[in-house]
Amino acid sequence: MKLHHIGIVVKDIRESLGELTEFFEFKETTVPMEVKSQKVNVCFLKTSDVYIELIEPVEDDSPVKKFSESGGGFHHLCFEVE
């Protein structure tokens, strides 16, 4: 198995991007995109071998809304499998 990405819940993707890019260099970033089924926006930041996925709730009934309000943080690991 290979680690594909680390999911991190944030209150605001754009604000978090600004903070992260002050301290880290990323090989590439994606523009925030909506995942309607989860009621979130996501953005991927590529490090050397692994992506970081920023997850921002966009509706009050988003599954990660309460987590973001309590400060957010590490949410999940995603592995590549055959």
PDB file of N, CA and C in Angstrom:
ATOM      1  N   MET A   1       0.841  -1.186   0.000  1.00  0.00           N
ATOM      2  CA  MET A   1       0.000   0.000   0.000  1.00  0.00           C
ATOM      3  C   MET A   1       0.883   1.246   0.000  1.00  0.00           C
ATOM      4  N   LYS A   2       0.395   2.259  -0.651  1.00  0.00           N
ATOM      5  CA  LYS A   2       1.107   3.537  -0.698  1.00  0.00           C
ATOM      6  C   LYS A   2       0.166   4.628  -0.207  1.00  0.00           C
ATOM      7  N   LEU A   3       0.667   5.484   0.665  1.00  0.00           N
ATOM      8  CA  LEU A   3      -0.126   6.608   1.154  1.00  0.00           C
ATOM      9  C   LEU A   3      -0.364   7.580   0.004  1.00  0.00           C
ATOM     10  N   HIS A   4      -1.623   7.909  -0.254  1.00  0.00           N
ATOM     11  CA  HIS A   4      -1.963   8.865  -1.311  1.00  0.00           C
ATOM     12  C   HIS A   4      -2.123  10.267  -0.742  1.00  0.00           C
ATOM     13  N   HIS A   5      -2.973  10.406   0.304  1.00  0.00           N
ATOM     14  CA  HIS A   5      -3.133  11.733   0.882  1.00  0.00           C
ATOM     15  C   HIS A   5      -3.528  11.687   2.354  1.00  0.00           C
ATOM     16  N   ILE A   6      -3.324  12.835   2.986  1.00  0.00           N
ATOM     17  CA  ILE A   6      -3.706  13.056   4.378  1.00  0.00           C
ATOM     18  C   ILE A   6      -4.807  14.102   4.362  1.00  0.00           C
ATOM     19  N   GLY A   7      -5.969  13.770   4.910  1.00  0.00           N
ATOM     20  CA  GLY A   7      -7.102  14.699   4.950  1.00  0.00           C
ATOM     21  C   GLY A   7      -7.088  15.524   6.222  1.00  0.00           C
ATOM     22  N   ILE A   8      -7.226  16.836   6.062  1.00  0.00           N
ATOM     23  CA  ILE A   8      -7.229  17.762   7.190  1.00  0.00           C
ATOM     24  C   ILE A   8      -8.445  18.676   7.069  1.00  0.00           C
ATOM     25  N   VAL A   9      -9.257  18.722   8.120  1.00  0.00           N
ATOM     26  CA  VAL A   9     -10.431  19.593   8.135  1.00  0.00           C
ATOM     27  C   VAL A   9     -10.001  20.991   8.580  1.00  0.00           C
ATOM     28  N   VAL A  10     -10.448  21.990   7.818  1.00  0.00           N
ATOM     29  CA  VAL A  10     -10.144  23.392   8.123  1.00  0.00           C
ATOM     30  C   VAL A  10     -11.434  24.206   8.071  1.00  0.00           C
ATOM     31  N   LYS A  11     -11.432  25.359   8.699  1.00  0.00           N
ATOM     32  CA  LYS A  11     -12.607  26.232   8.642  1.00  0.00           C
ATOM     33  C   LYS A  11     -12.710  26.934   7.295  1.00  0.00           C
ATOM     34  N   ASP A  12     -11.547  27.320   6.743  1.00  0.00           N
ATOM     35  CA  ASP A  12     -11.518  28.101   5.516  1.00  0.00           C
ATOM     36  C   ASP A  12     -10.306  27.690   4.683  1.00  0.00           C
ATOM     37  N   ILE A  13     -10.541  27.123   3.510  1.00  0.00           N
ATOM     38  CA  ILE A  13      -9.442  26.645   2.663  1.00  0.00           C
ATOM     39  C   ILE A  13      -8.504  27.777   2.271  1.00  0.00           C
ATOM     40  N   ARG A  14      -9.039  28.879   1.808  1.00  0.00           N
ATOM     41  CA  ARG A  14      -8.180  29.967   1.320  1.00  0.00           C
ATOM     42  C   ARG A  14      -7.286  30.518   2.437  1.00  0.00           C
ATOM     43  N   GLU A  15      -7.841  30.668   3.621  1.00  0.00           N
ATOM     44  CA  GLU A  15      -7.049  31.149   4.751  1.00  0.00           C
ATOM     45  C   GLU A  15      -5.958  30.132   5.096  1.00  0.00           C
ATOM     46  N   SER A  16      -6.321  28.864   5.115  1.00  0.00           N
ATOM     47  CA  SER A  16      -5.346  27.815   5.424  1.00  0.00           C
ATOM     48  C   SER A  16      -4.267  27.722   4.364  1.00  0.00           C
ATOM     49  N   LEU A  17      -4.637  27.891   3.101  1.00  0.00           N
ATOM     50  CA  LEU A  17      -3.642  27.884   2.018  1.00  0.00           C
ATOM     51  C   LEU A  17      -2.618  28.982   2.224  1.00  0.00           C
ATOM     52  N   GLY A  18      -3.109  30.168   2.572  1.00  0.00           N
ATOM     53  CA  GLY A  18      -2.205  31.288   2.806  1.00  0.00           C
ATOM     54  C   GLY A  18      -1.224  30.999   3.923  1.00  0.00           C
ATOM     55  N   GLU A  19      -1.708  30.398   5.009  1.00  0.00           N
ATOM     56  CA  GLU A  19      -0.842  30.076   6.139  1.00  0.00           C
ATOM     57  C   GLU A  19       0.166  28.987   5.772  1.00  0.00           C
ATOM     58  N   LEU A  20      -0.301  27.930   5.125  1.00  0.00           N
ATOM     59  CA  LEU A  20       0.581  26.805   4.791  1.00  0.00           C
ATOM     60  C   LEU A  20       1.668  27.188   3.795  1.00  0.00           C
ATOM     61  N   THR A  21       1.317  28.003   2.797  1.00  0.00           N
ATOM     62  CA  THR A  21       2.309  28.354   1.777  1.00  0.00           C
ATOM     63  C   THR A  21       3.365  29.337   2.301  1.00  0.00           C
ATOM     64  N   GLU A  22       3.113  29.928   3.467  1.00  0.00           N
ATOM     65  CA  GLU A  22       4.144  30.750   4.094  1.00  0.00           C
ATOM     66  C   GLU A  22       5.281  29.888   4.628  1.00  0.00           C
ATOM     67  N   PHE A  23       4.965  28.655   5.002  1.00  0.00           N
ATOM     68  CA  PHE A  23       5.936  27.797   5.667  1.00  0.00           C
ATOM     69  C   PHE A  23       6.413  26.615   4.829  1.00  0.00           C
ATOM     70  N   PHE A  24       5.617  26.214   3.830  1.00  0.00           N
ATOM     71  CA  PHE A  24       5.937  25.038   3.027  1.00  0.00           C
ATOM     72  C   PHE A  24       5.862  25.357   1.547  1.00  0.00           C
ATOM     73  N   GLU A  25       6.666  24.649   0.769  1.00  0.00           N
ATOM     74  CA  GLU A  25       6.571  24.732  -0.691  1.00  0.00           C
ATOM     75  C   GLU A  25       5.874  23.472  -1.184  1.00  0.00           C
ATOM     76  N   PHE A  26       4.917  23.657  -2.062  1.00  0.00           N
ATOM     77  CA  PHE A  26       4.199  22.530  -2.636  1.00  0.00           C
ATOM     78  C   PHE A  26       4.500  22.458  -4.118  1.00  0.00           C
ATOM     79  N   LYS A  27       4.602  21.231  -4.638  1.00  0.00           N
ATOM     80  CA  LYS A  27       4.887  21.045  -6.054  1.00  0.00           C
ATOM     81  C   LYS A  27       3.722  21.492  -6.910  1.00  0.00           C
ATOM     82  N   GLU A  28       2.506  21.313  -6.397  1.00  0.00           N
ATOM     83  CA  GLU A  28       1.311  21.778  -7.108  1.00  0.00           C
ATOM     84  C   GLU A  28       0.168  21.879  -6.124  1.00  0.00           C
ATOM     85  N   THR A  29      -0.808  22.692  -6.473  1.00  0.00           N
ATOM     86  CA  THR A  29      -2.040  22.787  -5.699  1.00  0.00           C
ATOM     87  C   THR A  29      -3.202  22.804  -6.681  1.00  0.00           C
ATOM     88  N   THR A  30      -4.342  22.311  -6.223  1.00  0.00           N
ATOM     89  CA  THR A  30      -5.541  22.378  -7.052  1.00  0.00           C
ATOM     90  C   THR A  30      -6.398  23.529  -6.552  1.00  0.00           C
ATOM     91  N   VAL A  31      -7.261  24.031  -7.395  1.00  0.00           N
ATOM     92  CA  VAL A  31      -8.217  25.034  -6.945  1.00  0.00           C
ATOM     93  C   VAL A  31      -9.260  24.317  -6.093  1.00  0.00           C
ATOM     94  N   PRO A  32      -9.830  24.995  -5.097  1.00  0.00           N
ATOM     95  CA  PRO A  32     -10.862  24.346  -4.297  1.00  0.00           C
ATOM     96  C   PRO A  32     -12.011  23.870  -5.191  1.00  0.00           C
ATOM     97  N   MET A  33     -12.466  22.640  -4.931  1.00  0.00           N
ATOM     98  CA  MET A  33     -13.575  22.087  -5.702  1.00  0.00           C
ATOM     99  C   MET A  33     -14.619  21.526  -4.751  1.00  0.00           C
ATOM    100  N   GLU A  34     -15.850  21.635  -5.162  1.00  0.00           N
ATOM    101  CA  GLU A  34     -16.965  21.201  -4.326  1.00  0.00           C
ATOM    102  C   GLU A  34     -17.204  19.700  -4.462  1.00  0.00           C
ATOM    103  N   VAL A  35     -17.462  19.059  -3.328  1.00  0.00           N
ATOM    104  CA  VAL A  35     -17.908  17.670  -3.301  1.00  0.00           C
ATOM    105  C   VAL A  35     -19.318  17.726  -2.713  1.00  0.00           C
ATOM    106  N   LYS A  36     -20.307  17.824  -3.594  1.00  0.00           N
ATOM    107  CA  LYS A  36     -21.690  18.055  -3.170  1.00  0.00           C
ATOM    108  C   LYS A  36     -22.212  16.985  -2.223  1.00  0.00           C
ATOM    109  N   SER A  37     -21.849  15.725  -2.470  1.00  0.00           N
ATOM    110  CA  SER A  37     -22.378  14.645  -1.640  1.00  0.00           C
ATOM    111  C   SER A  37     -21.933  14.763  -0.180  1.00  0.00           C
ATOM    112  N   GLN A  38     -20.783  15.387   0.059  1.00  0.00           N
ATOM    113  CA  GLN A  38     -20.269  15.547   1.421  1.00  0.00           C
ATOM    114  C   GLN A  38     -20.456  16.966   1.958  1.00  0.00           C
ATOM    115  N   LYS A  39     -20.958  17.861   1.096  1.00  0.00           N
ATOM    116  CA  LYS A  39     -21.193  19.258   1.479  1.00  0.00           C
ATOM    117  C   LYS A  39     -19.908  19.924   1.964  1.00  0.00           C
ATOM    118  N   VAL A  40     -18.837  19.697   1.177  1.00  0.00           N
ATOM    119  CA  VAL A  40     -17.528  20.272   1.483  1.00  0.00           C
ATOM    120  C   VAL A  40     -16.870  20.782   0.211  1.00  0.00           C
ATOM    121  N   ASN A  41     -15.884  21.640   0.396  1.00  0.00           N
ATOM    122  CA  ASN A  41     -14.936  21.986  -0.650  1.00  0.00           C
ATOM    123  C   ASN A  41     -13.627  21.316  -0.274  1.00  0.00           C
ATOM    124  N   VAL A  42     -12.873  20.859  -1.276  1.00  0.00           N
ATOM    125  CA  VAL A  42     -11.575  20.239  -1.020  1.00  0.00           C
ATOM    126  C   VAL A  42     -10.525  20.870  -1.923  1.00  0.00           C
ATOM    127  N   CYS A  43      -9.299  20.812  -1.470  1.00  0.00           N
ATOM    128  CA  CYS A  43      -8.163  21.318  -2.222  1.00  0.00           C
ATOM    129  C   CYS A  43      -6.993  20.393  -1.932  1.00  0.00           C
ATOM    130  N   PHE A  44      -6.254  20.004  -2.972  1.00  0.00           N
ATOM    131  CA  PHE A  44      -5.119  19.112  -2.798  1.00  0.00           C
ATOM    132  C   PHE A  44      -3.808  19.867  -2.983  1.00  0.00           C
ATOM    133  N   LEU A  45      -2.869  19.613  -2.070  1.00  0.00           N
ATOM    134  CA  LEU A  45      -1.540  20.211  -2.115  1.00  0.00           C
ATOM    135  C   LEU A  45      -0.550  19.067  -2.248  1.00  0.00           C
ATOM    136  N   LYS A  46       0.298  19.099  -3.278  1.00  0.00           N
ATOM    137  CA  LYS A  46       1.236  17.998  -3.494  1.00  0.00           C
ATOM    138  C   LYS A  46       2.572  18.289  -2.844  1.00  0.00           C
ATOM    139  N   THR A  47       2.995  17.372  -1.964  1.00  0.00           N
ATOM    140  CA  THR A  47       4.337  17.425  -1.398  1.00  0.00           C
ATOM    141  C   THR A  47       5.206  16.545  -2.288  1.00  0.00           C
ATOM    142  N   SER A  48       6.301  16.079  -1.803  1.00  0.00           N
ATOM    143  CA  SER A  48       7.173  15.258  -2.648  1.00  0.00           C
ATOM    144  C   SER A  48       6.486  13.976  -3.114  1.00  0.00           C
ATOM    145  N   ASP A  49       5.878  13.222  -2.205  1.00  0.00           N
ATOM    146  CA  ASP A  49       5.262  11.949  -2.576  1.00  0.00           C
ATOM    147  C   ASP A  49       3.798  11.837  -2.191  1.00  0.00           C
ATOM    148  N   VAL A  50       3.323  12.702  -1.342  1.00  0.00           N
ATOM    149  CA  VAL A  50       1.994  12.580  -0.767  1.00  0.00           C
ATOM    150  C   VAL A  50       1.242  13.893  -0.940  1.00  0.00           C
ATOM    151  N   TYR A  51      -0.075  13.791  -1.104  1.00  0.00           N
ATOM    152  CA  TYR A  51      -0.925  14.973  -1.150  1.00  0.00           C
ATOM    153  C   TYR A  51      -1.457  15.280   0.248  1.00  0.00           C
ATOM    154  N   ILE A  52      -1.718  16.537   0.494  1.00  0.00           N
ATOM    155  CA  ILE A  52      -2.475  16.974   1.655  1.00  0.00           C
ATOM    156  C   ILE A  52      -3.809  17.461   1.112  1.00  0.00           C
ATOM    157  N   GLU A  53      -4.898  16.961   1.675  1.00  0.00           N
ATOM    158  CA  GLU A  53      -6.237  17.374   1.256  1.00  0.00           C
ATOM    159  C   GLU A  53      -6.820  18.271   2.334  1.00  0.00           C
ATOM    160  N   LEU A  54      -7.112  19.518   1.980  1.00  0.00           N
ATOM    161  CA  LEU A  54      -7.792  20.424   2.895  1.00  0.00           C
ATOM    162  C   LEU A  54      -9.295  20.274   2.662  1.00  0.00           C
ATOM    163  N   ILE A  55     -10.058  20.124   3.733  1.00  0.00           N
ATOM    164  CA  ILE A  55     -11.493  19.872   3.653  1.00  0.00           C
ATOM    165  C   ILE A  55     -12.220  20.968   4.416  1.00  0.00           C
ATOM    166  N   GLU A  56     -13.075  21.699   3.714  1.00  0.00           N
ATOM    167  CA  GLU A  56     -13.797  22.831   4.297  1.00  0.00           C
ATOM    168  C   GLU A  56     -15.297  22.577   4.198  1.00  0.00           C
ATOM    169  N   PRO A  57     -16.033  22.584   5.315  1.00  0.00           N
ATOM    170  CA  PRO A  57     -17.485  22.417   5.219  1.00  0.00           C
ATOM    171  C   PRO A  57     -18.112  23.643   4.565  1.00  0.00           C
ATOM    172  N   VAL A  58     -19.149  23.404   3.739  1.00  0.00           N
ATOM    173  CA  VAL A  58     -19.806  24.536   3.078  1.00  0.00           C
ATOM    174  C   VAL A  58     -21.268  24.684   3.483  1.00  0.00           C
ATOM    175  N   GLU A  59     -21.783  23.721   4.241  1.00  0.00           N
ATOM    176  CA  GLU A  59     -23.163  23.809   4.722  1.00  0.00           C
ATOM    177  C   GLU A  59     -23.200  23.417   6.189  1.00  0.00           C
ATOM    178  N   ASP A  60     -24.213  23.902   6.893  1.00  0.00           N
ATOM    179  CA  ASP A  60     -24.320  23.623   8.322  1.00  0.00           C
ATOM    180  C   ASP A  60     -24.495  22.142   8.633  1.00  0.00           C
ATOM    181  N   ASP A  61     -25.050  21.375   7.687  1.00  0.00           N
ATOM    182  CA  ASP A  61     -25.238  19.938   7.935  1.00  0.00           C
ATOM    183  C   ASP A  61     -24.152  19.084   7.281  1.00  0.00           C
ATOM    184  N   SER A  62     -23.022  19.695   6.963  1.00  0.00           N
ATOM    185  CA  SER A  62     -21.874  18.945   6.446  1.00  0.00           C
ATOM    186  C   SER A  62     -21.390  17.991   7.539  1.00  0.00           C
ATOM    187  N   PRO A  63     -20.976  16.782   7.160  1.00  0.00           N
ATOM    188  CA  PRO A  63     -20.487  15.827   8.159  1.00  0.00           C
ATOM    189  C   PRO A  63     -19.275  16.311   8.969  1.00  0.00           C
ATOM    190  N   VAL A  64     -18.535  17.302   8.464  1.00  0.00           N
ATOM    191  CA  VAL A  64     -17.348  17.776   9.187  1.00  0.00           C
ATOM    192  C   VAL A  64     -17.532  19.161   9.803  1.00  0.00           C
ATOM    193  N   LYS A  65     -18.741  19.695   9.772  1.00  0.00           N
ATOM    194  CA  LYS A  65     -18.991  21.054  10.275  1.00  0.00           C
ATOM    195  C   LYS A  65     -18.611  21.199  11.751  1.00  0.00           C
ATOM    196  N   LYS A  66     -19.101  20.303  12.599  1.00  0.00           N
ATOM    197  CA  LYS A  66     -18.811  20.409  14.035  1.00  0.00           C
ATOM    198  C   LYS A  66     -17.315  20.255  14.309  1.00  0.00           C
ATOM    199  N   PHE A  67     -16.679  19.363  13.568  1.00  0.00           N
ATOM    200  CA  PHE A  67     -15.242  19.155  13.733  1.00  0.00           C
ATOM    201  C   PHE A  67     -14.481  20.438  13.385  1.00  0.00           C
ATOM    202  N   SER A  68     -14.887  21.122  12.317  1.00  0.00           N
ATOM    203  CA  SER A  68     -14.199  22.359  11.929  1.00  0.00           C
ATOM    204  C   SER A  68     -14.410  23.444  12.980  1.00  0.00           C
ATOM    205  N   GLU A  69     -15.606  23.486  13.571  1.00  0.00           N
ATOM    206  CA  GLU A  69     -15.898  24.501  14.583  1.00  0.00           C
ATOM    207  C   GLU A  69     -15.079  24.291  15.853  1.00  0.00           C
ATOM    208  N   SER A  70     -14.695  23.040  16.115  1.00  0.00           N
ATOM    209  CA  SER A  70     -13.888  22.768  17.311  1.00  0.00           C
ATOM    210  C   SER A  70     -12.392  22.870  17.008  1.00  0.00           C
ATOM    211  N   GLY A  71     -12.047  23.400  15.846  1.00  0.00           N
ATOM    212  CA  GLY A  71     -10.649  23.623  15.491  1.00  0.00           C
ATOM    213  C   GLY A  71     -10.154  22.777  14.339  1.00  0.00           C
ATOM    214  N   GLY A  72     -10.927  21.731  13.965  1.00  0.00           N
ATOM    215  CA  GLY A  72     -10.530  20.893  12.845  1.00  0.00           C
ATOM    216  C   GLY A  72      -9.243  20.151  13.123  1.00  0.00           C
ATOM    217  N   GLY A  73      -8.580  19.752  12.044  1.00  0.00           N
ATOM    218  CA  GLY A  73      -7.324  19.035  12.169  1.00  0.00           C
ATOM    219  C   GLY A  73      -7.339  17.747  11.375  1.00  0.00           C
ATOM    220  N   PHE A  74      -6.452  16.820  11.778  1.00  0.00           N
ATOM    221  CA  PHE A  74      -6.321  15.551  11.067  1.00  0.00           C
ATOM    222  C   PHE A  74      -7.672  14.838  10.998  1.00  0.00           C
ATOM    223  N   HIS A  75      -8.026  14.362   9.791  1.00  0.00           N
ATOM    224  CA  HIS A  75      -9.304  13.688   9.580  1.00  0.00           C
ATOM    225  C   HIS A  75      -9.142  12.252   9.105  1.00  0.00           C
ATOM    226  N   HIS A  76      -8.276  12.031   8.094  1.00  0.00           N
ATOM    227  CA  HIS A  76      -8.131  10.669   7.566  1.00  0.00           C
ATOM    228  C   HIS A  76      -6.840  10.498   6.771  1.00  0.00           C
ATOM    229  N   LEU A  77      -6.507   9.227   6.554  1.00  0.00           N
ATOM    230  CA  LEU A  77      -5.436   8.843   5.639  1.00  0.00           C
ATOM    231  C   LEU A  77      -6.075   8.084   4.485  1.00  0.00           C
ATOM    232  N   CYS A  78      -5.587   8.279   3.285  1.00  0.00           N
ATOM    233  CA  CYS A  78      -6.100   7.563   2.121  1.00  0.00           C
ATOM    234  C   CYS A  78      -4.924   6.837   1.466  1.00  0.00           C
ATOM    235  N   PHE A  79      -5.093   5.523   1.271  1.00  0.00           N
ATOM    236  CA  PHE A  79      -4.047   4.691   0.668  1.00  0.00           C
ATOM    237  C   PHE A  79      -4.442   4.256  -0.729  1.00  0.00           C
ATOM    238  N   GLU A  80      -3.452   4.132  -1.607  1.00  0.00           N
ATOM    239  CA  GLU A  80      -3.674   3.582  -2.934  1.00  0.00           C
ATOM    240  C   GLU A  80      -3.660   2.069  -2.815  1.00  0.00           C
ATOM    241  N   VAL A  81      -4.630   1.426  -3.439  1.00  0.00           N
ATOM    242  CA  VAL A  81      -4.687  -0.035  -3.468  1.00  0.00           C
ATOM    243  C   VAL A  81      -4.977  -0.485  -4.877  1.00  0.00           C
ATOM    244  N   GLU A  82      -4.710  -1.764  -5.150  1.00  0.00           N
ATOM    245  CA  GLU A  82      -4.991  -2.295  -6.497  1.00  0.00           C
ATOM    246  C   GLU A  82      -6.485  -2.431  -6.693  1.00  0.00           C
TER     247      GLU A  82
END
